[in-house]
Amino acid sequence: MNRRTFVKASTMGMLLSQSSLLFAKNSSRSEGQSIFPKRLKEGDTIVLVAPAGALNQKVELDIAVESFQAMGLKVQVGKHVLDRDGYFAGKDEDRAADINDAFADPTIKGIFAIRGGWGCNRILPFLDFDLIAKNPKILFGYSDITTLLNSLYQRTGLVSFHGPVGVSYWGQDQAQQMRQMIFEGGKFTIQNQPDKDEKALTQRKNRIQVINSGSVEGRLVGGNLTVLTSMVGTPYFPDMQGKILFLEDVDESIYRIDRYLSTLQLAGKLQQLAGVAFGQCTDCNPEKGYGGFTLLQILEHYFKPLGIPAYMGGQFGHVRDNNILPVGVKVELNADLGSLRLLESPVS
């Protein structure tokens, strides 16, 4: 079962009624205020959580643990990581409890999702945002984890990280970027790697396509387009005013990308943006036959009229070499270079 099927399985009516009650209980942060988690250091303990889909095999957990150990970290495993409730890694309350417990535990310095899938929307009513705000820590993941990254930033101001989950490919490039960003707190530029084909006369892979030229500064929000759109109309959807939006997706028809962007436009969200970086849309192929649109044509339809700096082809999303992007950090987007330059350290 893929992520799109998971999204169809949601019961948003129940979620909205529960979340409205919780929203009244937990106060929102002051607008514009960001909270920076403490940086990691070698020997720190992190915890693996499964806030969405269930693991297919236990060996996936073993690989994830070993990957983080190779980066000099001690690894604990959330109590419910190996649970199963249908296609979820346990019941909604239990998956949320692992996250709440991790933020409450002073020995835990970072929280890493072991996989995505579908299910993070369902645990939002059970998260203790007041507890999270008082105990800021690194939260890391992507795909369905888009829900957590953006809701935590919206509700608490916590800066978090869109990057590989535990079962993702972790190579030297990903480890080095995590060390620069989360261990050292460096301010550097995130952009595509050069083509490794030294015989090619020009860049063939990881190419940027400019939608609107220019550069702009703003705080970074976003993630998976499908998941982000599923949050529209809830108190967890991130404020878009003056923000730089980054988007990616996987296994979607072009008309669905069109549908999601139309939803954001009709909700008045796209018009508030300062800039857009669209990453990879893996296995998002044009419809066959006459009359189909390319992904670039759809993006141009929505972003060109806005006149804001925008590009597509960023090296982030459901790809092996997935760049890490800090949600809530001020960056400079340069559409002509296809780059995001960190203007502040993402950790304290």
Protein backbone atom coordinates (compact mmCIF):
# COMPACT_ATOMS: atom_id res chain seq x y z
CA MET A 1 0.00 0.00 0.00
CA ASN A 2 1.52 3.35 -1.03
CA ARG A 3 1.27 6.74 0.64
CA ARG A 4 -1.55 7.97 -1.59
CA THR A 5 -3.69 5.00 -0.53
CA PHE A 6 -2.88 5.85 3.08
CA VAL A 7 -4.09 9.42 2.58
CA LYS A 8 -7.38 8.17 1.19
CA ALA A 9 -7.83 6.07 4.32
CA SER A 10 -7.84 9.07 6.68
CA THR A 11 -10.87 10.23 8.61
CA MET A 12 -10.40 13.97 8.62
CA GLY A 13 -13.73 14.77 10.21
CA MET A 14 -12.73 13.02 13.43
CA LEU A 15 -9.30 14.62 13.30
CA LEU A 16 -10.65 18.14 12.97
CA SER A 17 -13.07 17.76 15.85
CA GLN A 18 -10.34 16.38 18.11
CA SER A 19 -7.72 18.88 17.01
CA SER A 20 -9.99 21.87 17.61
CA LEU A 21 -10.38 20.79 21.23
CA LEU A 22 -6.65 20.34 21.67
CA PHE A 23 -5.93 23.65 19.97
CA ALA A 24 -7.92 25.39 22.70
CA LYS A 25 -5.93 23.50 25.35
CA ASN A 26 -2.42 24.17 24.02
CA SER A 27 -1.61 27.79 23.29
CA SER A 28 0.16 28.75 20.04
CA ARG A 29 3.55 30.43 19.98
CA SER A 30 4.07 34.11 19.41
CA GLU A 31 4.14 34.82 15.66
CA GLY A 32 7.62 34.81 14.16
CA GLN A 33 9.31 33.25 17.20
CA SER A 34 11.60 30.29 16.49
CA ILE A 35 13.01 27.82 18.99
CA PHE A 36 16.34 26.21 18.05
CA PRO A 37 17.09 22.72 19.38
CA LYS A 38 20.45 21.99 20.96
CA ARG A 39 23.06 20.54 18.63
CA LEU A 40 24.07 16.90 18.80
CA LYS A 41 27.51 15.69 19.78
CA GLU A 42 29.15 12.32 19.51
CA GLY A 43 27.98 9.97 22.24
CA ASP A 44 24.54 11.62 22.53
CA THR A 45 21.52 9.35 22.73
CA ILE A 46 18.81 9.59 20.10
CA VAL A 47 15.58 7.65 19.84
CA LEU A 48 13.94 6.06 16.81
CA VAL A 49 10.18 6.48 16.60
CA ALA A 50 7.58 5.23 14.14
CA PRO A 51 4.86 7.92 14.01
CA ALA A 52 3.26 6.63 10.82
CA GLY A 53 3.60 3.36 8.88
CA ALA A 54 4.61 -0.01 10.27
CA LEU A 55 7.98 -1.55 9.50
CA ASN A 56 7.89 -4.35 6.96
CA GLN A 57 10.78 -6.29 8.46
CA LYS A 58 12.74 -6.10 11.71
CA VAL A 59 15.98 -5.98 9.71
CA GLU A 60 14.99 -2.43 8.69
CA LEU A 61 15.26 -1.43 12.35
CA ASP A 62 18.67 -3.09 12.62
CA ILE A 63 19.94 -1.16 9.57
CA ALA A 64 18.64 2.14 10.96
CA VAL A 65 20.25 1.58 14.36
CA GLU A 66 23.59 0.70 12.78
CA SER A 67 23.49 3.76 10.50
CA PHE A 68 23.16 6.17 13.42
CA GLN A 69 25.71 4.28 15.49
CA ALA A 70 28.14 4.74 12.60
CA MET A 71 27.68 8.50 13.05
CA GLY A 72 28.81 8.27 16.68
CA LEU A 73 25.37 8.28 18.30
CA LYS A 74 23.82 6.00 20.89
CA VAL A 75 20.44 4.70 19.79
CA GLN A 76 17.32 3.83 21.73
CA VAL A 77 14.18 2.41 20.14
CA GLY A 78 10.75 3.77 20.94
CA LYS A 79 8.50 1.45 22.91
CA HIS A 80 5.99 1.04 20.08
CA VAL A 81 8.26 1.04 17.02
CA LEU A 82 7.60 -2.63 16.27
CA ASP A 83 3.87 -2.47 17.04
CA ARG A 84 1.34 -2.96 14.28
CA ASP A 85 -2.25 -1.79 13.91
CA GLY A 86 -3.31 -2.35 10.32
CA TYR A 87 -0.80 -0.39 8.26
CA PHE A 88 0.19 1.78 11.24
CA ALA A 89 3.06 1.19 13.66
CA GLY A 90 0.64 0.79 16.55
CA LYS A 91 -2.39 2.73 17.74
CA ASP A 92 -2.53 6.51 17.29
CA GLU A 93 -2.21 7.18 21.02
CA ASP A 94 0.81 4.88 21.34
CA ARG A 95 2.68 6.37 18.37
CA ALA A 96 2.13 9.84 19.84
CA ALA A 97 3.20 8.62 23.29
CA ASP A 98 6.61 7.61 21.95
CA ILE A 99 7.12 11.18 20.71
CA ASN A 100 5.85 12.80 23.91
CA ASP A 101 8.04 10.49 26.00
CA ALA A 102 11.10 11.31 23.90
CA PHE A 103 10.64 15.05 24.37
CA ALA A 104 10.09 14.56 28.12
CA ASP A 105 13.16 12.36 28.63
CA PRO A 106 16.22 14.55 29.43
CA THR A 107 18.62 11.80 28.33
CA ILE A 108 17.27 11.87 24.75
CA LYS A 109 18.90 14.54 22.56
CA GLY A 110 17.31 13.80 19.17
CA ILE A 111 14.20 12.14 17.74
CA PHE A 112 14.42 10.42 14.36
CA ALA A 113 11.51 8.89 12.45
CA ILE A 114 12.37 5.41 11.25
CA ARG A 115 9.99 5.65 8.27
CA GLY A 116 7.10 7.62 6.79
CA GLY A 117 4.02 6.19 5.09
CA TRP A 118 0.80 7.63 6.42
CA GLY A 119 -0.47 8.35 9.92
CA CYS A 120 1.13 11.48 11.39
CA ASN A 121 -2.04 13.55 10.91
CA ARG A 122 -3.88 11.07 13.11
CA ILE A 123 -1.55 11.50 16.07
CA LEU A 124 -1.66 15.31 16.21
CA PRO A 125 -4.54 15.42 18.73
CA PHE A 126 -2.43 13.35 21.14
CA LEU A 127 0.78 15.39 21.02
CA ASP A 128 1.59 17.60 24.00
CA PHE A 129 2.75 20.80 22.30
CA ASP A 130 3.31 22.61 25.59
CA LEU A 131 5.67 19.83 26.70
CA ILE A 132 7.45 19.95 23.34
CA ALA A 133 7.89 23.74 23.50
CA LYS A 134 9.49 23.47 26.94
CA ASN A 135 11.87 20.68 25.87
CA PRO A 136 13.10 21.58 22.37
CA LYS A 137 14.98 18.76 20.65
CA ILE A 138 16.01 17.75 17.18
CA LEU A 139 13.19 16.12 15.21
CA PHE A 140 14.18 14.55 11.91
CA GLY A 141 12.38 12.89 8.98
CA TYR A 142 10.53 13.49 5.72
CA SER A 143 7.58 12.33 3.58
CA ASP A 144 4.66 11.81 6.01
CA ILE A 145 6.83 13.38 8.74
CA THR A 146 6.03 16.65 6.92
CA THR A 147 3.02 16.81 9.24
CA LEU A 148 5.16 16.80 12.39
CA LEU A 149 7.82 19.19 11.09
CA ASN A 150 5.32 21.86 10.13
CA SER A 151 2.82 21.43 12.96
CA LEU A 152 5.57 21.64 15.56
CA TYR A 153 6.93 24.79 13.94
CA GLN A 154 3.46 26.32 13.69
CA ARG A 155 2.42 25.46 17.24
CA THR A 156 5.72 25.85 19.11
CA GLY A 157 8.26 27.52 16.80
CA LEU A 158 10.54 24.48 17.01
CA VAL A 159 13.04 24.22 14.16
CA SER A 160 13.16 20.65 12.81
CA PHE A 161 14.78 18.82 9.92
CA HIS A 162 13.45 17.46 6.63
CA GLY A 163 15.84 14.67 5.71
CA PRO A 164 16.35 10.91 5.40
CA VAL A 165 14.38 8.65 7.75
CA GLY A 166 16.00 5.73 9.54
CA VAL A 167 15.38 3.21 6.76
CA SER A 168 16.60 5.64 4.06
CA TYR A 169 19.96 5.40 2.39
CA TRP A 170 22.59 6.97 4.64
CA GLY A 171 25.85 7.56 2.81
CA GLN A 172 28.91 9.70 3.44
CA ASP A 173 27.28 12.76 1.85
CA GLN A 174 24.21 12.56 4.11
CA ALA A 175 26.34 11.92 7.19
CA GLN A 176 28.60 14.86 6.37
CA GLN A 177 25.67 17.20 5.83
CA MET A 178 24.08 16.14 9.11
CA ARG A 179 27.40 16.70 10.88
CA GLN A 180 27.75 20.19 9.37
CA MET A 181 24.17 21.18 10.14
CA ILE A 182 23.25 19.43 13.38
CA PHE A 183 26.58 18.72 15.10
CA GLU A 184 28.47 21.86 14.08
CA GLY A 185 25.54 24.23 13.51
CA GLY A 186 27.10 25.57 10.35
CA LYS A 187 25.61 28.16 8.02
CA PHE A 188 26.20 26.95 4.50
CA THR A 189 24.54 26.69 1.09
CA ILE A 190 22.36 23.72 0.16
CA GLN A 191 22.31 22.93 -3.55
CA ASN A 192 22.53 20.05 -5.99
CA GLN A 193 25.64 17.96 -6.29
CA PRO A 194 27.55 18.23 -9.56
CA ASP A 195 27.14 15.49 -12.15
CA LYS A 196 29.57 12.68 -11.35
CA ASP A 197 30.01 11.82 -15.04
CA GLU A 198 33.35 13.49 -15.66
CA LYS A 199 33.17 12.72 -19.40
CA ALA A 200 29.94 14.67 -19.92
CA LEU A 201 30.36 18.11 -21.49
CA THR A 202 27.61 19.61 -19.35
CA GLN A 203 25.48 18.83 -16.30
CA ARG A 204 22.95 16.11 -17.17
CA LYS A 205 21.73 14.97 -13.77
CA ASN A 206 20.44 17.07 -10.86
CA ARG A 207 19.65 20.02 -13.12
CA ILE A 208 17.76 23.09 -11.94
CA GLN A 209 14.98 24.62 -14.03
CA VAL A 210 14.19 28.26 -13.25
CA ILE A 211 10.52 29.25 -13.07
CA ASN A 212 11.05 32.84 -11.91
CA SER A 213 14.53 34.36 -11.66
CA GLY A 214 15.78 36.17 -8.58
CA SER A 215 16.66 35.72 -4.92
CA VAL A 216 14.73 36.31 -1.71
CA GLU A 217 15.03 35.76 2.05
CA GLY A 218 12.47 34.08 4.27
CA ARG A 219 11.86 31.25 6.70
CA LEU A 220 11.63 27.75 5.25
CA VAL A 221 8.49 25.63 5.52
CA GLY A 222 7.12 22.73 3.52
CA GLY A 223 7.85 19.12 2.62
CA ASN A 224 5.72 16.55 0.87
CA LEU A 225 3.04 18.28 -1.20
CA THR A 226 0.35 15.63 -0.72
CA VAL A 227 0.80 15.55 3.04
CA LEU A 228 1.05 19.32 3.40
CA THR A 229 -2.16 19.82 1.44
CA SER A 230 -3.94 17.36 3.73
CA MET A 231 -3.33 19.81 6.59
CA VAL A 232 -5.08 22.81 4.98
CA GLY A 233 -7.88 24.16 7.16
CA THR A 234 -6.46 22.71 10.38
CA PRO A 235 -4.76 24.66 13.19
CA TYR A 236 -1.55 22.78 12.37
CA PHE A 237 -1.02 24.16 8.87
CA PRO A 238 2.04 26.46 8.80
CA ASP A 239 1.68 30.19 8.33
CA MET A 240 2.80 30.99 4.76
CA GLN A 241 3.15 34.77 4.98
CA GLY A 242 6.58 35.73 3.64
CA LYS A 243 7.79 32.13 3.79
CA ILE A 244 9.91 30.15 1.36
CA LEU A 245 8.04 26.97 0.51
CA PHE A 246 9.85 23.78 -0.45
CA LEU A 247 7.91 20.88 -1.95
CA GLU A 248 8.50 17.33 -3.16
CA ASP A 249 6.38 14.28 -3.92
CA VAL A 250 6.46 10.68 -5.10
CA ASP A 251 4.31 8.35 -7.19
CA GLU A 252 1.72 10.98 -8.13
CA SER A 253 0.07 11.68 -11.46
CA ILE A 254 0.66 15.18 -12.79
CA TYR A 255 -3.04 15.96 -12.50
CA ARG A 256 -2.86 15.23 -8.77
CA ILE A 257 0.03 17.66 -8.38
CA ASP A 258 -2.19 20.15 -10.20
CA ARG A 259 -5.04 19.36 -7.80
CA TYR A 260 -2.93 19.87 -4.67
CA LEU A 261 -1.48 23.16 -5.87
CA SER A 262 -4.97 24.30 -6.83
CA THR A 263 -6.11 23.57 -3.28
CA LEU A 264 -3.27 25.68 -1.84
CA GLN A 265 -4.08 28.46 -4.29
CA LEU A 266 -7.80 28.45 -3.54
CA ALA A 267 -7.01 28.53 0.18
CA GLY A 268 -5.00 31.70 -0.42
CA LYS A 269 -1.70 30.13 0.66
CA LEU A 270 0.44 30.41 -2.48
CA GLN A 271 -0.25 34.13 -2.77
CA GLN A 272 1.42 34.71 0.62
CA LEU A 273 4.78 33.16 -0.32
CA ALA A 274 8.11 34.90 -0.85
CA GLY A 275 9.70 32.07 -2.86
CA VAL A 276 9.39 28.42 -3.91
CA ALA A 277 11.86 25.56 -4.21
CA PHE A 278 10.43 22.41 -5.78
CA GLY A 279 12.58 19.32 -5.32
CA GLN A 280 12.06 15.92 -6.90
CA CYS A 281 8.74 14.42 -7.92
CA THR A 282 9.84 10.81 -8.13
CA ASP A 283 7.80 8.64 -10.53
CA CYS A 284 5.47 11.54 -11.32
CA ASN A 285 5.04 10.97 -15.03
CA PRO A 286 2.94 12.94 -17.54
CA GLU A 287 -0.31 11.40 -18.72
CA LYS A 288 -0.02 9.47 -21.97
CA GLY A 289 -1.59 10.83 -25.11
CA TYR A 290 -2.61 14.24 -26.39
CA GLY A 291 -3.29 17.04 -23.93
CA GLY A 292 -1.09 16.04 -21.03
CA PHE A 293 0.97 18.58 -19.05
CA THR A 294 4.53 18.25 -17.87
CA LEU A 295 5.39 18.93 -14.23
CA LEU A 296 7.20 22.12 -15.24
CA GLN A 297 4.11 23.40 -17.05
CA ILE A 298 1.96 22.83 -13.96
CA LEU A 299 4.45 24.58 -11.69
CA GLU A 300 4.71 27.49 -14.11
CA HIS A 301 0.92 27.81 -14.14
CA TYR A 302 0.81 28.40 -10.38
CA PHE A 303 4.09 30.15 -9.63
CA LYS A 304 4.94 32.26 -12.68
CA PRO A 305 2.02 34.70 -12.16
CA LEU A 306 3.15 35.27 -8.56
CA GLY A 307 6.42 36.77 -9.79
CA ILE A 308 8.35 35.34 -6.84
CA PRO A 309 11.71 33.57 -7.21
CA ALA A 310 11.00 29.91 -7.91
CA TYR A 311 12.78 26.87 -9.29
CA MET A 312 12.32 23.12 -9.66
CA GLY A 313 14.75 20.23 -9.59
CA GLY A 314 16.21 20.64 -6.10
CA GLN A 315 18.01 17.58 -4.76
CA PHE A 316 15.56 16.69 -2.01
CA GLY A 317 12.62 14.33 -1.77
CA HIS A 318 12.22 10.61 -2.38
CA VAL A 319 15.70 10.24 -3.83
CA ARG A 320 18.84 8.50 -2.66
CA ASP A 321 20.91 11.67 -2.22
CA ASN A 322 18.34 13.58 -0.19
CA ASN A 323 19.55 16.97 1.05
CA ILE A 324 18.63 18.01 4.59
CA LEU A 325 16.45 21.13 4.89
CA PRO A 326 15.77 22.87 8.24
CA VAL A 327 12.12 23.85 8.70
CA GLY A 328 11.75 27.23 10.40
CA VAL A 329 15.24 28.56 9.62
CA LYS A 330 15.80 31.81 7.73
CA VAL A 331 17.37 31.16 4.32
CA GLU A 332 18.16 32.95 1.10
CA LEU A 333 16.67 31.27 -1.97
CA ASN A 334 18.49 31.89 -5.25
CA ALA A 335 16.35 30.57 -8.09
CA ASP A 336 19.06 31.03 -10.73
CA LEU A 337 21.53 28.91 -8.76
CA GLY A 338 18.90 26.55 -7.35
CA SER A 339 20.29 27.13 -3.87
CA LEU A 340 19.14 27.66 -0.29
CA ARG A 341 21.72 29.50 1.84
CA LEU A 342 21.30 29.22 5.60
CA LEU A 343 21.30 32.68 7.18
CA GLU A 344 21.32 31.39 10.76
CA SER A 345 22.44 28.30 12.54
CA PRO A 346 19.63 25.72 12.78
CA VAL A 347 20.77 24.56 16.24
CA SER A 348 21.77 26.30 19.45
